[in-house]
């Protein structure tokens, strides 16, 4: 049984996914900085926040 959300495997996996998204969006063109990049970053943060 998990004692907190940080010990859940799904939360750990989503955290790694979030890190990968962060690395990937750095490669996007500068004109996407406030459009697609921002949206992807917020969505990836929302995954772990919703689990917590």
C-alpha atoms as a PDB file:
ATOM      1  CA  UNK A   1       0.000   0.000   0.000  1.00  0.00           C
ATOM      2  CA  UNK A   2       1.273   3.454  -0.916  1.00  0.00           C
ATOM      3  CA  UNK A   3       1.836   5.824   1.984  1.00  0.00           C
ATOM      4  CA  UNK A   4       1.792   8.935  -0.206  1.00  0.00           C
ATOM      5  CA  UNK A   5       1.440   9.837  -3.867  1.00  0.00           C
ATOM      6  CA  UNK A   6       5.211  10.159  -4.349  1.00  0.00           C
ATOM      7  CA  UNK A   7       5.630   6.434  -3.727  1.00  0.00           C
ATOM      8  CA  UNK A   8       3.163   5.488  -6.478  1.00  0.00           C
ATOM      9  CA  UNK A   9       4.797   3.977  -9.553  1.00  0.00           C
ATOM     10  CA  UNK A  10       2.380   5.803 -11.850  1.00  0.00           C
ATOM     11  CA  UNK A  11       3.365   9.150 -10.317  1.00  0.00           C
ATOM     12  CA  UNK A  12       7.065   8.319 -10.747  1.00  0.00           C
ATOM     13  CA  UNK A  13       6.478   7.342 -14.384  1.00  0.00           C
ATOM     14  CA  UNK A  14       4.571  10.546 -15.059  1.00  0.00           C
ATOM     15  CA  UNK A  15       7.359  12.563 -13.480  1.00  0.00           C
ATOM     16  CA  UNK A  16       9.862  10.978 -15.870  1.00  0.00           C
ATOM     17  CA  UNK A  17       7.480  11.688 -18.760  1.00  0.00           C
ATOM     18  CA  UNK A  18       7.312  15.313 -17.645  1.00  0.00           C
ATOM     19  CA  UNK A  19      11.105  15.540 -17.698  1.00  0.00           C
ATOM     20  CA  UNK A  20      11.172  14.148 -21.240  1.00  0.00           C
ATOM     21  CA  UNK A  21       8.554  16.669 -22.387  1.00  0.00           C
ATOM     22  CA  UNK A  22      10.650  19.448 -20.867  1.00  0.00           C
ATOM     23  CA  UNK A  23      13.737  18.319 -22.796  1.00  0.00           C
ATOM     24  CA  UNK A  24      11.777  17.940 -26.021  1.00  0.00           C
ATOM     25  CA  UNK A  25      10.107  21.357 -25.996  1.00  0.00           C
ATOM     26  CA  UNK A  26      13.509  23.031 -25.692  1.00  0.00           C
ATOM     27  CA  UNK A  27      14.129  21.864 -29.250  1.00  0.00           C
ATOM     28  CA  UNK A  28      11.016  23.606 -30.599  1.00  0.00           C
ATOM     29  CA  UNK A  29      11.378  26.782 -32.672  1.00  0.00           C
ATOM     30  CA  UNK A  30      11.349  30.053 -30.750  1.00  0.00           C
ATOM     31  CA  UNK A  31       8.026  31.108 -32.285  1.00  0.00           C
ATOM     32  CA  UNK A  32       6.374  28.219 -30.444  1.00  0.00           C
ATOM     33  CA  UNK A  33       7.669  29.363 -27.050  1.00  0.00           C
ATOM     34  CA  UNK A  34       4.361  30.828 -25.883  1.00  0.00           C
ATOM     35  CA  UNK A  35       2.018  28.565 -27.823  1.00  0.00           C
ATOM     36  CA  UNK A  36       2.639  24.865 -28.132  1.00  0.00           C
ATOM     37  CA  UNK A  37       5.575  24.743 -25.727  1.00  0.00           C
ATOM     38  CA  UNK A  38       3.645  26.424 -22.936  1.00  0.00           C
ATOM     39  CA  UNK A  39       0.611  24.224 -23.482  1.00  0.00           C
ATOM     40  CA  UNK A  40       2.667  21.015 -23.424  1.00  0.00           C
ATOM     41  CA  UNK A  41       4.489  22.035 -20.258  1.00  0.00           C
ATOM     42  CA  UNK A  42       1.274  22.910 -18.439  1.00  0.00           C
ATOM     43  CA  UNK A  43      -0.361  19.659 -19.543  1.00  0.00           C
ATOM     44  CA  UNK A  44       2.607  17.574 -18.393  1.00  0.00           C
ATOM     45  CA  UNK A  45       2.557  19.273 -14.975  1.00  0.00           C
ATOM     46  CA  UNK A  46      -1.141  18.636 -14.698  1.00  0.00           C
ATOM     47  CA  UNK A  47      -0.645  14.863 -14.936  1.00  0.00           C
ATOM     48  CA  UNK A  48       1.357  14.606 -11.709  1.00  0.00           C
ATOM     49  CA  UNK A  49      -0.778  17.258 -10.006  1.00  0.00           C
ATOM     50  CA  UNK A  50      -3.961  15.329 -10.739  1.00  0.00           C
ATOM     51  CA  UNK A  51      -2.482  12.131  -9.327  1.00  0.00           C
ATOM     52  CA  UNK A  52      -1.380  13.955  -6.187  1.00  0.00           C
END
